[in-house]
Protein backbone atom coordinates (compact mmCIF):
# COMPACT_ATOMS: atom_id res chain seq x y z
CA MET A 1 -56.52 -70.72 -45.66
CA SER A 2 -59.98 -71.51 -46.97
CA GLU A 3 -63.07 -71.44 -44.77
CA ARG A 4 -65.37 -74.43 -44.95
CA THR A 5 -69.04 -74.34 -44.23
CA GLY A 6 -71.99 -76.51 -45.19
CA TYR A 7 -72.26 -80.28 -45.19
CA GLN A 8 -71.38 -83.41 -47.16
CA ILE A 9 -73.32 -86.70 -47.40
CA LEU A 10 -71.23 -89.77 -46.56
CA GLU A 11 -71.92 -93.29 -47.82
CA HIS A 12 -71.71 -96.26 -45.45
CA THR A 13 -72.72 -99.89 -45.93
CA ALA A 14 -75.82 -99.87 -43.72
CA ASP A 15 -76.27 -96.27 -42.71
CA LYS A 16 -75.91 -92.76 -44.10
CA GLY A 17 -73.45 -90.23 -42.79
CA VAL A 18 -73.05 -86.48 -42.72
CA ARG A 19 -69.93 -84.38 -42.38
CA ALA A 20 -70.74 -80.76 -41.51
CA TRP A 21 -68.75 -77.59 -41.04
CA GLY A 22 -69.31 -74.18 -39.54
CA LYS A 23 -67.37 -71.10 -38.52
CA THR A 24 -69.21 -71.21 -35.21
CA LEU A 25 -70.78 -74.01 -33.19
CA GLU A 26 -74.21 -72.55 -34.01
CA GLU A 27 -73.48 -72.69 -37.74
CA LEU A 28 -72.15 -76.24 -37.38
CA PHE A 29 -75.37 -77.40 -35.66
CA GLU A 30 -77.41 -75.73 -38.40
CA ASN A 31 -75.44 -77.39 -41.17
CA ALA A 32 -75.46 -80.79 -39.44
CA SER A 33 -79.26 -80.50 -39.24
CA ARG A 34 -79.50 -79.48 -42.90
CA GLY A 35 -77.27 -82.39 -43.90
CA MET A 36 -79.31 -84.91 -41.95
CA TYR A 37 -82.59 -83.74 -43.48
CA ARG A 38 -81.06 -83.57 -46.97
CA LEU A 39 -80.99 -87.36 -46.73
CA VAL A 40 -84.81 -87.18 -46.55
CA ILE A 41 -85.84 -84.28 -48.79
CA ASP A 42 -84.36 -81.77 -51.22
CA PRO A 43 -85.32 -78.39 -49.74
CA GLU A 44 -84.96 -76.57 -53.08
CA GLY A 45 -88.25 -74.94 -54.03
CA LYS A 46 -90.18 -76.28 -51.02
CA GLN A 47 -92.49 -73.90 -49.16
CA VAL A 48 -92.18 -73.83 -45.37
CA ASP A 49 -95.44 -74.61 -43.53
CA VAL A 50 -94.31 -74.42 -39.91
CA SER A 51 -91.66 -72.94 -37.66
CA ILE A 52 -90.98 -74.66 -34.36
CA PRO A 53 -88.79 -73.35 -31.54
CA ILE A 54 -86.48 -76.07 -30.28
CA SER A 55 -84.52 -76.26 -27.06
CA VAL A 56 -82.39 -79.09 -25.73
CA GLU A 57 -81.06 -78.82 -22.20
CA VAL A 58 -79.11 -81.12 -19.90
CA SER A 59 -78.43 -80.63 -16.19
CA GLU A 60 -74.67 -81.20 -16.30
CA PRO A 61 -72.12 -80.07 -18.91
CA ILE A 62 -71.56 -82.76 -21.57
CA ASP A 63 -69.31 -83.26 -24.55
CA ARG A 64 -70.37 -81.12 -27.54
CA SER A 65 -70.69 -84.21 -29.72
CA ASP A 66 -73.22 -85.67 -27.23
CA LEU A 67 -75.09 -82.37 -27.31
CA LEU A 68 -75.19 -82.55 -31.13
CA VAL A 69 -76.66 -86.04 -30.95
CA LYS A 70 -79.33 -84.89 -28.45
CA TRP A 71 -80.19 -81.94 -30.76
CA LEU A 72 -80.53 -84.18 -33.83
CA ARG A 73 -82.54 -86.75 -31.91
CA GLU A 74 -84.94 -84.02 -30.79
CA LEU A 75 -85.44 -83.04 -34.44
CA ILE A 76 -86.16 -86.67 -35.37
CA TYR A 77 -88.61 -86.92 -32.47
CA LEU A 78 -90.47 -83.80 -33.60
CA THR A 79 -90.58 -85.16 -37.16
CA ASP A 80 -92.18 -88.37 -35.88
CA VAL A 81 -94.66 -86.69 -33.54
CA GLN A 82 -95.64 -83.61 -35.52
CA LYS A 83 -95.22 -85.11 -39.02
CA VAL A 84 -92.91 -82.28 -40.09
CA VAL A 85 -89.86 -82.67 -42.32
CA PHE A 86 -87.49 -79.82 -41.61
CA THR A 87 -85.72 -77.95 -44.38
CA ASP A 88 -83.99 -75.05 -42.59
CA PHE A 89 -82.64 -74.20 -39.17
CA THR A 90 -81.49 -71.32 -37.05
CA VAL A 91 -79.41 -72.14 -33.99
CA ARG A 92 -79.14 -69.16 -31.69
CA ARG A 93 -77.10 -70.58 -28.84
CA VAL A 94 -74.89 -73.57 -28.07
CA THR A 95 -73.44 -73.90 -24.53
CA GLU A 96 -72.04 -76.82 -22.54
CA THR A 97 -75.57 -77.64 -21.37
CA ALA A 98 -77.99 -76.34 -23.99
CA VAL A 99 -78.87 -75.75 -27.63
CA ALA A 100 -81.62 -73.34 -28.59
CA GLY A 101 -82.96 -72.49 -31.98
CA GLU A 102 -85.72 -72.90 -34.50
CA ALA A 103 -86.54 -75.44 -37.21
CA ARG A 104 -88.68 -74.72 -40.25
CA GLY A 105 -90.26 -77.27 -42.54
CA LEU A 106 -93.16 -78.94 -44.25
CA VAL A 107 -96.09 -80.83 -42.83
CA VAL A 108 -95.96 -84.27 -44.45
CA GLU A 109 -99.21 -86.21 -44.72
CA ASP A 110 -97.55 -89.11 -46.53
CA ASN A 111 -94.02 -89.89 -47.62
CA SER A 112 -94.66 -89.33 -51.34
CA ILE A 113 -92.90 -85.93 -51.33
CA LEU A 114 -89.77 -87.38 -49.70
CA ASP A 115 -86.64 -87.95 -51.77
CA GLY A 116 -85.18 -90.51 -49.35
CA ALA A 117 -86.13 -92.71 -46.43
CA PRO A 118 -86.97 -90.99 -43.14
CA VAL A 119 -84.16 -90.92 -40.60
CA LYS A 120 -84.85 -93.31 -37.71
CA ALA A 121 -82.02 -92.51 -35.33
CA VAL A 122 -78.64 -90.84 -34.89
CA THR A 123 -75.92 -93.30 -33.88
CA TYR A 124 -72.66 -92.88 -32.00
CA HIS A 125 -70.83 -94.83 -34.73
CA GLY A 126 -68.09 -92.62 -36.15
CA LEU A 127 -69.29 -89.61 -34.15
CA ARG A 128 -66.86 -86.76 -33.84
CA LEU A 129 -66.96 -83.01 -33.35
CA ASP A 130 -63.70 -81.06 -33.54
CA GLN A 131 -62.55 -77.48 -33.54
CA THR A 132 -60.30 -76.78 -36.55
CA PRO A 133 -58.30 -73.75 -37.65
CA GLU A 134 -61.26 -72.88 -39.97
CA GLY A 135 -63.97 -73.32 -37.30
CA TRP A 136 -65.81 -76.53 -36.41
CA GLU A 137 -66.29 -79.93 -38.11
CA ALA A 138 -68.55 -82.84 -37.16
CA GLU A 139 -69.24 -86.27 -38.59
CA PHE A 140 -72.08 -88.61 -37.65
CA TYR A 141 -74.12 -91.50 -39.01
CA VAL A 142 -77.86 -92.13 -38.97
CA ASP A 143 -80.08 -95.18 -39.35
CA VAL A 144 -82.52 -94.80 -42.25
């Protein structure tokens, strides 16, 4: 049985999609984040300017796929507000009510260094997050 980890970019008529894998939920959230930002920038050879701690919490337990959407939306929000394009992630904890970690990336003064269009939003279209015999797998689509 082979172990899958990482992410794959998915093509869709109007949006872009990402399928991500991880042995743990934390690794899955990291790879989903990497996949989403790979739509925007190739991280190869880029120097990290900033490191930002990120925490998403909800008051009641929710579905893990909803928690993934909230995490990714928080990253998009921070990109918009702080003008940072993230290239790497460390997720330390995923529970039924919280995700905590860190995102590292580049301060972007203009979009000239971007390889793709900025991500506007994460959608619920095609959203899924499943536990598999190899670990975890998620699929989601974003508006660009």
